[in-house]
Amino acid sequence: MNRLLIWRASAALSLAMVVLVFAACEPEPEVEPSPSEPTVIETPAPVAPLVPVAPAQPTPAVEPPAPVLTTPPTAPAEATSPTATESAAAPATEADAPGEAEMVHVTLDEFSIDMPKKIAPGLTVFHVMNAGKATHSLAIEGQGVKERLKSSLKPKGEAELRVELKPGKYRAYCPVGNHAKRGMEVQLTVGE
């Protein structure tokens, strides 16, 4: 319905423009040539007919999929600053060079978290994938750390959570609704 209205408005505007062009091109009154001047006959230049064209439809914005990391986890090295950030596609920097962070793959499902129970201390990148049919997320708490994904993951969604982990015990859980109480909770041991 909207396309038809837009096309009609476009056609009406085109027709109005044609009428204005022809009105502006009204011929001047004929003047009898004088016998001493040669006769010149002017003919108007041909005008191409206007064809109504439907306006271009905007293409919907498509969010690119999060990159899938296929490199195996590497041995952690000491990080220079204790920060935690999240990124679905973070650009590589010197601090993110290979060997600087340990990659930990986490799979969320109804109502379980599949991930290692013991990891090394240091900068850790949790690559989180929602394999379930409900929305899930990941939070890490312990040893003064309280970090979580900035937004929950829809089914088949992926994201990364970067956390600086010191040796000790941590709680990894899904903070959505009562998912943790329903089994989406893991006791994580770092460096012990």
Foldseek 3Di string as FASTA:
>chain_A
DVQVVQLVVQVVVLVVVVVVVVVVVPDDDDDDDDPVDDDDDDDDDDDDDDDRDGDDDDDDDDDDAQDDDDDAFAAADAQDDFDKDKWSHDDDDPCNPPRHETEWEWEQEQQEIDTDQEEAFHKYKYKYFYQYQAWWWKWKDDPPDTDIPPDIAHHRHIIIMIGGGDFDWMKIATPPDCSVVRYRIGIHGYHD
